[in-house]
Amino acid sequence: MNRPEREAAVRRVMDQVPPLVPPELHDEVVRRGARMLRRRRAARRVLWFLLFAASVAFVVWAVTARPWVEPPSTTTPPLTDW
């Protein structure tokens, strides 16, 4: 199929009258779309809550553990020549 044949086929498809949509299909699509948006919104809220909880947990851990401070030495050097 060469380019003029493809263009003619596309023109034939575009010149056709689009099929009518059944009226009951519209109600079903609206219902499913609303449900999908509710689920997506709930999932987004749960993810934001988990992100917030993880950041609070990290801050609490960092304040209590203080990982940036060097731990104190557990051994002392020997005392000689006093």
Protein backbone atom coordinates (compact mmCIF):
# COMPACT_ATOMS: atom_id res chain seq x y z
CA MET A 1 0.00 0.00 0.00
CA ASN A 2 1.60 3.22 -1.14
CA ARG A 3 1.06 6.73 0.19
CA PRO A 4 -1.84 7.81 -2.12
CA GLU A 5 -3.74 4.61 -1.30
CA ARG A 6 -3.23 5.16 2.43
CA GLU A 7 -4.41 8.76 2.15
CA ALA A 8 -7.50 7.64 0.21
CA ALA A 9 -8.26 5.00 2.85
CA VAL A 10 -7.96 7.57 5.61
CA ARG A 11 -10.22 9.97 3.75
CA ARG A 12 -12.86 7.23 3.32
CA VAL A 13 -12.75 6.44 7.03
CA MET A 14 -12.98 10.10 8.01
CA ASP A 15 -15.88 10.77 5.61
CA GLN A 16 -18.02 8.09 7.24
CA VAL A 17 -20.65 9.11 9.77
CA PRO A 18 -19.56 8.12 13.28
CA PRO A 19 -21.79 5.50 14.92
CA LEU A 20 -24.32 6.67 17.51
CA VAL A 21 -23.50 5.97 21.13
CA PRO A 22 -26.24 4.16 23.09
CA PRO A 23 -27.71 6.40 25.83
CA GLU A 24 -27.21 3.81 28.60
CA LEU A 25 -23.50 3.68 27.79
CA HIS A 26 -23.05 7.30 28.84
CA ASP A 27 -24.40 6.67 32.35
CA GLU A 28 -22.14 3.64 32.79
CA VAL A 29 -19.07 5.55 31.67
CA VAL A 30 -19.82 8.45 34.02
CA ARG A 31 -20.31 6.06 36.95
CA ARG A 32 -17.05 4.22 36.25
CA GLY A 33 -15.16 7.46 35.75
CA ALA A 34 -16.37 8.86 39.07
CA ARG A 35 -15.39 5.65 40.84
CA MET A 36 -11.96 5.70 39.21
CA LEU A 37 -11.41 9.32 40.31
CA ARG A 38 -12.44 8.49 43.90
CA ARG A 39 -10.01 5.57 44.01
CA ARG A 40 -7.20 7.61 42.54
CA ARG A 41 -7.83 10.44 45.03
CA ALA A 42 -7.88 7.97 47.95
CA ALA A 43 -4.66 6.33 46.80
CA ARG A 44 -2.98 9.72 46.46
CA ARG A 45 -4.07 10.69 49.99
CA VAL A 46 -2.76 7.40 51.41
CA LEU A 47 0.59 7.89 49.68
CA TRP A 48 0.91 11.47 50.99
CA PHE A 49 0.06 10.24 54.50
CA LEU A 50 2.69 7.48 54.27
CA LEU A 51 5.29 9.98 53.05
CA PHE A 52 4.46 12.31 55.94
CA ALA A 53 4.59 9.45 58.48
CA ALA A 54 7.94 8.24 57.12
CA SER A 55 9.43 11.73 57.30
CA VAL A 56 8.20 12.19 60.89
CA ALA A 57 9.64 8.79 61.84
CA PHE A 58 12.98 9.72 60.24
CA VAL A 59 13.12 13.05 62.08
CA VAL A 60 12.32 11.38 65.41
CA TRP A 61 14.98 8.73 64.81
CA ALA A 62 17.57 11.33 63.80
CA VAL A 63 16.89 13.45 66.89
CA THR A 64 17.14 10.49 69.26
CA ALA A 65 20.00 8.55 67.62
CA ARG A 66 22.04 11.58 66.46
CA PRO A 67 23.91 9.64 63.72
CA TRP A 68 26.07 12.66 62.86
CA VAL A 69 27.80 12.61 66.29
CA GLU A 70 30.86 10.42 66.69
CA PRO A 71 30.25 7.77 69.37
CA PRO A 72 32.37 8.03 72.52
CA SER A 73 35.43 5.85 72.75
CA THR A 74 34.92 2.61 74.66
CA THR A 75 38.62 2.12 75.44
CA THR A 76 41.10 4.50 76.96
CA PRO A 77 44.71 4.78 75.97
CA PRO A 78 47.22 3.31 78.42
CA LEU A 79 48.68 5.73 80.96
CA THR A 80 52.48 5.44 80.96
CA ASP A 81 55.33 7.73 81.94
CA TRP A 82 53.57 9.61 84.70
